[in-house]
Amino acid sequence: MPAPLRNPTLALVGLGVVALLCIQLLRHAITLETAAWRALLTVAVLAAVDRIALPIGRAMLSASGAKPRVDAADNDDQRRVP
């Protein structure tokens, strides 16, 4: 079974696309076969973006010198002198 998307924003985009397909089906604007192909294409594209494009983008940002976010708890530990 395929793993779910890791990014909740991409999951919401996929949900929106499926909702639009449902509306088009109810209005008889597209056929069931067309809706199925569009849904499969949407899932494939979102999975590729989630598994390939986002990690590459994050790696490029971290390599460019952008500082990662530091939690407040980590900040407190660094200020303490032993």
PDB file of N, CA and C in Angstrom:
ATOM      1  N   MET A   1       0.844  -1.181   0.000  1.00  0.00           N
ATOM      2  CA  MET A   1       0.000   0.000   0.000  1.00  0.00           C
ATOM      3  C   MET A   1       0.888   1.242   0.000  1.00  0.00           C
ATOM      4  N   PRO A   2       0.584   2.226  -0.829  1.00  0.00           N
ATOM      5  CA  PRO A   2       1.420   3.419  -0.887  1.00  0.00           C
ATOM      6  C   PRO A   2       1.315   4.242   0.402  1.00  0.00           C
ATOM      7  N   ALA A   3       2.398   4.900   0.725  1.00  0.00           N
ATOM      8  CA  ALA A   3       2.435   5.740   1.931  1.00  0.00           C
ATOM      9  C   ALA A   3       1.674   7.039   1.678  1.00  0.00           C
ATOM     10  N   PRO A   4       1.059   7.582   2.711  1.00  0.00           N
ATOM     11  CA  PRO A   4       0.343   8.856   2.534  1.00  0.00           C
ATOM     12  C   PRO A   4       1.312  10.016   2.316  1.00  0.00           C
ATOM     13  N   LEU A   5       0.767  11.127   1.881  1.00  0.00           N
ATOM     14  CA  LEU A   5       1.588  12.310   1.679  1.00  0.00           C
ATOM     15  C   LEU A   5       2.089  12.816   3.020  1.00  0.00           C
ATOM     16  N   ARG A   6       3.304  13.299   3.045  1.00  0.00           N
ATOM     17  CA  ARG A   6       3.901  13.804   4.280  1.00  0.00           C
ATOM     18  C   ARG A   6       3.543  15.264   4.524  1.00  0.00           C
ATOM     19  N   ASN A   7       3.244  15.976   3.480  1.00  0.00           N
ATOM     20  CA  ASN A   7       2.957  17.403   3.583  1.00  0.00           C
ATOM     21  C   ASN A   7       1.448  17.619   3.603  1.00  0.00           C
ATOM     22  N   PRO A   8       0.907  18.193   4.683  1.00  0.00           N
ATOM     23  CA  PRO A   8      -0.546  18.376   4.753  1.00  0.00           C
ATOM     24  C   PRO A   8      -1.087  19.375   3.728  1.00  0.00           C
ATOM     25  N   THR A   9      -0.279  20.315   3.303  1.00  0.00           N
ATOM     26  CA  THR A   9      -0.731  21.280   2.295  1.00  0.00           C
ATOM     27  C   THR A   9      -0.981  20.579   0.961  1.00  0.00           C
ATOM     28  N   LEU A  10      -0.104  19.676   0.594  1.00  0.00           N
ATOM     29  CA  LEU A  10      -0.306  18.929  -0.650  1.00  0.00           C
ATOM     30  C   LEU A  10      -1.531  18.032  -0.554  1.00  0.00           C
ATOM     31  N   ALA A  11      -1.778  17.483   0.621  1.00  0.00           N
ATOM     32  CA  ALA A  11      -2.967  16.654   0.806  1.00  0.00           C
ATOM     33  C   ALA A  11      -4.238  17.485   0.633  1.00  0.00           C
ATOM     34  N   LEU A  12      -4.215  18.713   1.130  1.00  0.00           N
ATOM     35  CA  LEU A  12      -5.382  19.589   0.956  1.00  0.00           C
ATOM     36  C   LEU A  12      -5.574  19.982  -0.510  1.00  0.00           C
ATOM     37  N   VAL A  13      -4.487  20.172  -1.223  1.00  0.00           N
ATOM     38  CA  VAL A  13      -4.584  20.458  -2.664  1.00  0.00           C
ATOM     39  C   VAL A  13      -5.231  19.274  -3.376  1.00  0.00           C
ATOM     40  N   GLY A  14      -4.801  18.070  -3.041  1.00  0.00           N
ATOM     41  CA  GLY A  14      -5.390  16.874  -3.640  1.00  0.00           C
ATOM     42  C   GLY A  14      -6.869  16.752  -3.310  1.00  0.00           C
ATOM     43  N   LEU A  15      -7.233  17.056  -2.079  1.00  0.00           N
ATOM     44  CA  LEU A  15      -8.641  17.018  -1.686  1.00  0.00           C
ATOM     45  C   LEU A  15      -9.460  18.033  -2.476  1.00  0.00           C
ATOM     46  N   GLY A  16      -8.893  19.210  -2.710  1.00  0.00           N
ATOM     47  CA  GLY A  16      -9.585  20.224  -3.506  1.00  0.00           C
ATOM     48  C   GLY A  16      -9.790  19.787  -4.950  1.00  0.00           C
ATOM     49  N   VAL A  17      -8.780  19.150  -5.521  1.00  0.00           N
ATOM     50  CA  VAL A  17      -8.905  18.665  -6.903  1.00  0.00           C
ATOM     51  C   VAL A  17      -9.980  17.592  -6.992  1.00  0.00           C
ATOM     52  N   VAL A  18     -10.013  16.684  -6.031  1.00  0.00           N
ATOM     53  CA  VAL A  18     -11.030  15.634  -6.038  1.00  0.00           C
ATOM     54  C   VAL A  18     -12.425  16.246  -5.857  1.00  0.00           C
ATOM     55  N   ALA A  19     -12.537  17.273  -5.023  1.00  0.00           N
ATOM     56  CA  ALA A  19     -13.825  17.946  -4.852  1.00  0.00           C
ATOM     57  C   ALA A  19     -14.288  18.592  -6.159  1.00  0.00           C
ATOM     58  N   LEU A  20     -13.358  19.209  -6.883  1.00  0.00           N
ATOM     59  CA  LEU A  20     -13.712  19.805  -8.175  1.00  0.00           C
ATOM     60  C   LEU A  20     -14.144  18.733  -9.176  1.00  0.00           C
ATOM     61  N   LEU A  21     -13.476  17.594  -9.144  1.00  0.00           N
ATOM     62  CA  LEU A  21     -13.876  16.495 -10.029  1.00  0.00           C
ATOM     63  C   LEU A  21     -15.276  16.000  -9.688  1.00  0.00           C
ATOM     64  N   CYS A  22     -15.581  15.937  -8.401  1.00  0.00           N
ATOM     65  CA  CYS A  22     -16.927  15.516  -7.991  1.00  0.00           C
ATOM     66  C   CYS A  22     -17.994  16.487  -8.481  1.00  0.00           C
ATOM     67  N   ILE A  23     -17.709  17.767  -8.384  1.00  0.00           N
ATOM     68  CA  ILE A  23     -18.671  18.773  -8.857  1.00  0.00           C
ATOM     69  C   ILE A  23     -18.874  18.645 -10.361  1.00  0.00           C
ATOM     70  N   GLN A  24     -17.782  18.441 -11.098  1.00  0.00           N
ATOM     71  CA  GLN A  24     -17.899  18.273 -12.545  1.00  0.00           C
ATOM     72  C   GLN A  24     -18.681  17.017 -12.902  1.00  0.00           C
ATOM     73  N   LEU A  25     -18.496  15.957 -12.118  1.00  0.00           N
ATOM     74  CA  LEU A  25     -19.266  14.737 -12.365  1.00  0.00           C
ATOM     75  C   LEU A  25     -20.750  14.959 -12.107  1.00  0.00           C
ATOM     76  N   LEU A  26     -21.080  15.670 -11.048  1.00  0.00           N
ATOM     77  CA  LEU A  26     -22.483  15.927 -10.728  1.00  0.00           C
ATOM     78  C   LEU A  26     -23.163  16.797 -11.782  1.00  0.00           C
ATOM     79  N   ARG A  27     -22.400  17.662 -12.412  1.00  0.00           N
ATOM     80  CA  ARG A  27     -22.946  18.538 -13.461  1.00  0.00           C
ATOM     81  C   ARG A  27     -22.885  17.894 -14.843  1.00  0.00           C
ATOM     82  N   HIS A  28     -22.408  16.663 -14.910  1.00  0.00           N
ATOM     83  CA  HIS A  28     -22.255  15.926 -16.167  1.00  0.00           C
ATOM     84  C   HIS A  28     -21.336  16.655 -17.147  1.00  0.00           C
ATOM     85  N   ALA A  29     -20.337  17.336 -16.602  1.00  0.00           N
ATOM     86  CA  ALA A  29     -19.383  18.044 -17.450  1.00  0.00           C
ATOM     87  C   ALA A  29     -18.282  17.108 -17.952  1.00  0.00           C
ATOM     88  N   ILE A  30     -17.994  16.050 -17.186  1.00  0.00           N
ATOM     89  CA  ILE A  30     -16.987  15.069 -17.588  1.00  0.00           C
ATOM     90  C   ILE A  30     -17.544  13.670 -17.341  1.00  0.00           C
ATOM     91  N   THR A  31     -16.900  12.702 -17.971  1.00  0.00           N
ATOM     92  CA  THR A  31     -17.335  11.311 -17.780  1.00  0.00           C
ATOM     93  C   THR A  31     -16.601  10.715 -16.579  1.00  0.00           C
ATOM     94  N   LEU A  32     -17.056   9.576 -16.134  1.00  0.00           N
ATOM     95  CA  LEU A  32     -16.437   8.898 -15.006  1.00  0.00           C
ATOM     96  C   LEU A  32     -15.012   8.469 -15.339  1.00  0.00           C
ATOM     97  N   GLU A  33     -14.796   8.024 -16.568  1.00  0.00           N
ATOM     98  CA  GLU A  33     -13.453   7.615 -16.980  1.00  0.00           C
ATOM     99  C   GLU A  33     -12.486   8.800 -16.970  1.00  0.00           C
ATOM    100  N   THR A  34     -12.942   9.944 -17.448  1.00  0.00           N
ATOM    101  CA  THR A  34     -12.106  11.143 -17.456  1.00  0.00           C
ATOM    102  C   THR A  34     -11.774  11.573 -16.035  1.00  0.00           C
ATOM    103  N   ALA A  35     -12.760  11.518 -15.155  1.00  0.00           N
ATOM    104  CA  ALA A  35     -12.528  11.886 -13.759  1.00  0.00           C
ATOM    105  C   ALA A  35     -11.527  10.941 -13.100  1.00  0.00           C
ATOM    106  N   ALA A  36     -11.614   9.666 -13.423  1.00  0.00           N
ATOM    107  CA  ALA A  36     -10.685   8.691 -12.852  1.00  0.00           C
ATOM    108  C   ALA A  36      -9.256   8.961 -13.315  1.00  0.00           C
ATOM    109  N   TRP A  37      -9.083   9.237 -14.604  1.00  0.00           N
ATOM    110  CA  TRP A  37      -7.743   9.534 -15.116  1.00  0.00           C
ATOM    111  C   TRP A  37      -7.179  10.803 -14.491  1.00  0.00           C
ATOM    112  N   ARG A  38      -8.017  11.817 -14.339  1.00  0.00           N
ATOM    113  CA  ARG A  38      -7.549  13.062 -13.722  1.00  0.00           C
ATOM    114  C   ARG A  38      -7.196  12.859 -12.255  1.00  0.00           C
ATOM    115  N   ALA A  39      -7.958  12.038 -11.553  1.00  0.00           N
ATOM    116  CA  ALA A  39      -7.650  11.751 -10.152  1.00  0.00           C
ATOM    117  C   ALA A  39      -6.329  10.988 -10.032  1.00  0.00           C
ATOM    118  N   LEU A  40      -6.112   9.994 -10.906  1.00  0.00           N
ATOM    119  CA  LEU A  40      -4.850   9.256 -10.892  1.00  0.00           C
ATOM    120  C   LEU A  40      -3.659  10.156 -11.212  1.00  0.00           C
ATOM    121  N   LEU A  41      -3.831  11.031 -12.169  1.00  0.00           N
ATOM    122  CA  LEU A  41      -2.771  11.971 -12.518  1.00  0.00           C
ATOM    123  C   LEU A  41      -2.473  12.911 -11.353  1.00  0.00           C
ATOM    124  N   THR A  42      -3.518  13.364 -10.671  1.00  0.00           N
ATOM    125  CA  THR A  42      -3.337  14.245  -9.519  1.00  0.00           C
ATOM    126  C   THR A  42      -2.554  13.546  -8.420  1.00  0.00           C
ATOM    127  N   VAL A  43      -2.919  12.308  -8.122  1.00  0.00           N
ATOM    128  CA  VAL A  43      -2.212  11.554  -7.084  1.00  0.00           C
ATOM    129  C   VAL A  43      -0.759  11.340  -7.473  1.00  0.00           C
ATOM    130  N   ALA A  44      -0.501  11.012  -8.719  1.00  0.00           N
ATOM    131  CA  ALA A  44       0.875  10.775  -9.174  1.00  0.00           C
ATOM    132  C   ALA A  44       1.722  12.041  -9.077  1.00  0.00           C
ATOM    133  N   VAL A  45       1.164  13.165  -9.503  1.00  0.00           N
ATOM    134  CA  VAL A  45       1.905  14.424  -9.460  1.00  0.00           C
ATOM    135  C   VAL A  45       2.164  14.847  -8.017  1.00  0.00           C
ATOM    136  N   LEU A  46       1.147  14.752  -7.161  1.00  0.00           N
ATOM    137  CA  LEU A  46       1.334  15.148  -5.766  1.00  0.00           C
ATOM    138  C   LEU A  46       2.337  14.242  -5.058  1.00  0.00           C
ATOM    139  N   ALA A  47       2.320  12.956  -5.349  1.00  0.00           N
ATOM    140  CA  ALA A  47       3.289  12.045  -4.742  1.00  0.00           C
ATOM    141  C   ALA A  47       4.704  12.362  -5.215  1.00  0.00           C
ATOM    142  N   ALA A  48       4.859  12.666  -6.497  1.00  0.00           N
ATOM    143  CA  ALA A  48       6.184  13.019  -7.021  1.00  0.00           C
ATOM    144  C   ALA A  48       6.695  14.314  -6.395  1.00  0.00           C
ATOM    145  N   VAL A  49       5.822  15.288  -6.262  1.00  0.00           N
ATOM    146  CA  VAL A  49       6.226  16.554  -5.638  1.00  0.00           C
ATOM    147  C   VAL A  49       6.604  16.316  -4.188  1.00  0.00           C
ATOM    148  N   ASP A  50       5.812  15.512  -3.474  1.00  0.00           N
ATOM    149  CA  ASP A  50       6.063  15.260  -2.058  1.00  0.00           C
ATOM    150  C   ASP A  50       7.345  14.474  -1.843  1.00  0.00           C
ATOM    151  N   ARG A  51       7.633  13.501  -2.699  1.00  0.00           N
ATOM    152  CA  ARG A  51       8.784  12.627  -2.494  1.00  0.00           C
ATOM    153  C   ARG A  51      10.063  13.147  -3.145  1.00  0.00           C
ATOM    154  N   ILE A  52       9.932  13.958  -4.210  1.00  0.00           N
ATOM    155  CA  ILE A  52      11.122  14.371  -4.961  1.00  0.00           C
ATOM    156  C   ILE A  52      11.367  15.880  -4.888  1.00  0.00           C
ATOM    157  N   ALA A  53      10.375  16.667  -5.269  1.00  0.00           N
ATOM    158  CA  ALA A  53      10.595  18.108  -5.404  1.00  0.00           C
ATOM    159  C   ALA A  53      10.791  18.808  -4.063  1.00  0.00           C
ATOM    160  N   LEU A  54       9.983  18.493  -3.073  1.00  0.00           N
ATOM    161  CA  LEU A  54      10.128  19.164  -1.780  1.00  0.00           C
ATOM    162  C   LEU A  54      11.448  18.849  -1.093  1.00  0.00           C
ATOM    163  N   PRO A  55      11.896  17.588  -1.040  1.00  0.00           N
ATOM    164  CA  PRO A  55      13.214  17.348  -0.436  1.00  0.00           C
ATOM    165  C   PRO A  55      14.363  18.034  -1.182  1.00  0.00           C
ATOM    166  N   ILE A  56      14.286  18.076  -2.508  1.00  0.00           N
ATOM    167  CA  ILE A  56      15.336  18.762  -3.270  1.00  0.00           C
ATOM    168  C   ILE A  56      15.304  20.256  -2.974  1.00  0.00           C
ATOM    169  N   GLY A  57      14.113  20.828  -2.905  1.00  0.00           N
ATOM    170  CA  GLY A  57      13.997  22.249  -2.580  1.00  0.00           C
ATOM    171  C   GLY A  57      14.517  22.574  -1.195  1.00  0.00           C
ATOM    172  N   ARG A  58      14.199  21.721  -0.228  1.00  0.00           N
ATOM    173  CA  ARG A  58      14.708  21.936   1.127  1.00  0.00           C
ATOM    174  C   ARG A  58      16.225  21.820   1.170  1.00  0.00           C
ATOM    175  N   ALA A  59      16.774  20.858   0.437  1.00  0.00           N
ATOM    176  CA  ALA A  59      18.223  20.689   0.401  1.00  0.00           C
ATOM    177  C   ALA A  59      18.899  21.886  -0.251  1.00  0.00           C
ATOM    178  N   MET A  60      18.285  22.419  -1.279  1.00  0.00           N
ATOM    179  CA  MET A  60      18.857  23.588  -1.942  1.00  0.00           C
ATOM    180  C   MET A  60      18.821  24.803  -1.023  1.00  0.00           C
ATOM    181  N   LEU A  61      17.751  24.950  -0.259  1.00  0.00           N
ATOM    182  CA  LEU A  61      17.665  26.080   0.671  1.00  0.00           C
ATOM    183  C   LEU A  61      18.678  25.946   1.798  1.00  0.00           C
ATOM    184  N   SER A  62      18.858  24.747   2.301  1.00  0.00           N
ATOM    185  CA  SER A  62      19.823  24.578   3.390  1.00  0.00           C
ATOM    186  C   SER A  62      21.253  24.726   2.874  1.00  0.00           C
ATOM    187  N   ALA A  63      21.513  24.362   1.639  1.00  0.00           N
ATOM    188  CA  ALA A  63      22.850  24.508   1.071  1.00  0.00           C
ATOM    189  C   ALA A  63      23.154  25.962   0.730  1.00  0.00           C
ATOM    190  N   SER A  64      22.127  26.773   0.558  1.00  0.00           N
ATOM    191  CA  SER A  64      22.354  28.162   0.187  1.00  0.00           C
ATOM    192  C   SER A  64      22.693  29.035   1.382  1.00  0.00           C
ATOM    193  N   GLY A  65      22.671  28.461   2.572  1.00  0.00           N
ATOM    194  CA  GLY A  65      23.046  29.243   3.746  1.00  0.00           C
ATOM    195  C   GLY A  65      21.865  29.683   4.580  1.00  0.00           C
ATOM    196  N   ALA A  66      20.670  29.295   4.229  1.00  0.00           N
ATOM    197  CA  ALA A  66      19.508  29.646   5.043  1.00  0.00           C
ATOM    198  C   ALA A  66      19.607  28.899   6.365  1.00  0.00           C
ATOM    199  N   LYS A  67      19.401  29.616   7.455  1.00  0.00           N
ATOM    200  CA  LYS A  67      19.540  29.006   8.767  1.00  0.00           C
ATOM    201  C   LYS A  67      18.280  28.225   9.119  1.00  0.00           C
ATOM    202  N   PRO A  68      18.425  27.011   9.640  1.00  0.00           N
ATOM    203  CA  PRO A  68      17.245  26.255  10.069  1.00  0.00           C
ATOM    204  C   PRO A  68      16.648  26.866  11.323  1.00  0.00           C
ATOM    205  N   ARG A  69      15.369  26.609  11.530  1.00  0.00           N
ATOM    206  CA  ARG A  69      14.696  27.129  12.707  1.00  0.00           C
ATOM    207  C   ARG A  69      15.212  26.416  13.945  1.00  0.00           C
ATOM    208  N   VAL A  70      15.379  27.178  15.027  1.00  0.00           N
ATOM    209  CA  VAL A  70      15.848  26.615  16.282  1.00  0.00           C
ATOM    210  C   VAL A  70      14.735  26.778  17.298  1.00  0.00           C
ATOM    211  N   ASP A  71      14.432  25.699  18.017  1.00  0.00           N
ATOM    212  CA  ASP A  71      13.410  25.765  19.051  1.00  0.00           C
ATOM    213  C   ASP A  71      13.917  26.555  20.241  1.00  0.00           C
ATOM    214  N   ALA A  72      12.988  27.072  21.034  1.00  0.00           N
ATOM    215  CA  ALA A  72      13.350  27.845  22.211  1.00  0.00           C
ATOM    216  C   ALA A  72      14.087  26.984  23.232  1.00  0.00           C
ATOM    217  N   ALA A  73      13.729  25.714  23.349  1.00  0.00           N
ATOM    218  CA  ALA A  73      14.393  24.824  24.297  1.00  0.00           C
ATOM    219  C   ALA A  73      15.861  24.629  23.911  1.00  0.00           C
ATOM    220  N   ASP A  74      16.152  24.516  22.640  1.00  0.00           N
ATOM    221  CA  ASP A  74      17.532  24.375  22.190  1.00  0.00           C
ATOM    222  C   ASP A  74      18.322  25.652  22.440  1.00  0.00           C
ATOM    223  N   ASN A  75      17.668  26.788  22.304  1.00  0.00           N
ATOM    224  CA  ASN A  75      18.309  28.069  22.521  1.00  0.00           C
ATOM    225  C   ASN A  75      18.718  28.233  23.974  1.00  0.00           C
ATOM    226  N   ASP A  76      17.884  27.800  24.915  1.00  0.00           N
ATOM    227  CA  ASP A  76      18.189  27.922  26.330  1.00  0.00           C
ATOM    228  C   ASP A  76      19.405  27.078  26.707  1.00  0.00           C
ATOM    229  N   ASP A  77      19.528  25.884  26.130  1.00  0.00           N
ATOM    230  CA  ASP A  77      20.652  25.014  26.442  1.00  0.00           C
ATOM    231  C   ASP A  77      21.968  25.617  25.968  1.00  0.00           C
ATOM    232  N   GLN A  78      21.940  26.351  24.894  1.00  0.00           N
ATOM    233  CA  GLN A  78      23.182  26.931  24.367  1.00  0.00           C
ATOM    234  C   GLN A  78      23.649  28.125  25.187  1.00  0.00           C
ATOM    235  N   ARG A  79      22.741  28.791  25.872  1.00  0.00           N
ATOM    236  CA  ARG A  79      23.114  29.973  26.642  1.00  0.00           C
ATOM    237  C   ARG A  79      23.728  29.615  27.998  1.00  0.00           C
ATOM    238  N   ARG A  80      23.454  28.430  28.508  1.00  0.00           N
ATOM    239  CA  ARG A  80      23.959  28.033  29.802  1.00  0.00           C
ATOM    240  C   ARG A  80      25.450  27.758  29.730  1.00  0.00           C
ATOM    241  N   VAL A  81      26.164  28.235  30.729  1.00  0.00           N
ATOM    242  CA  VAL A  81      27.598  28.013  30.807  1.00  0.00           C
ATOM    243  C   VAL A  81      27.841  26.897  31.798  1.00  0.00           C
ATOM    244  N   PRO A  82      28.624  25.876  31.452  1.00  0.00           N
ATOM    245  CA  PRO A  82      28.838  24.761  32.386  1.00  0.00           C
ATOM    246  C   PRO A  82      29.671  25.127  33.578  1.00  0.00           C
TER     247      PRO A  82
END
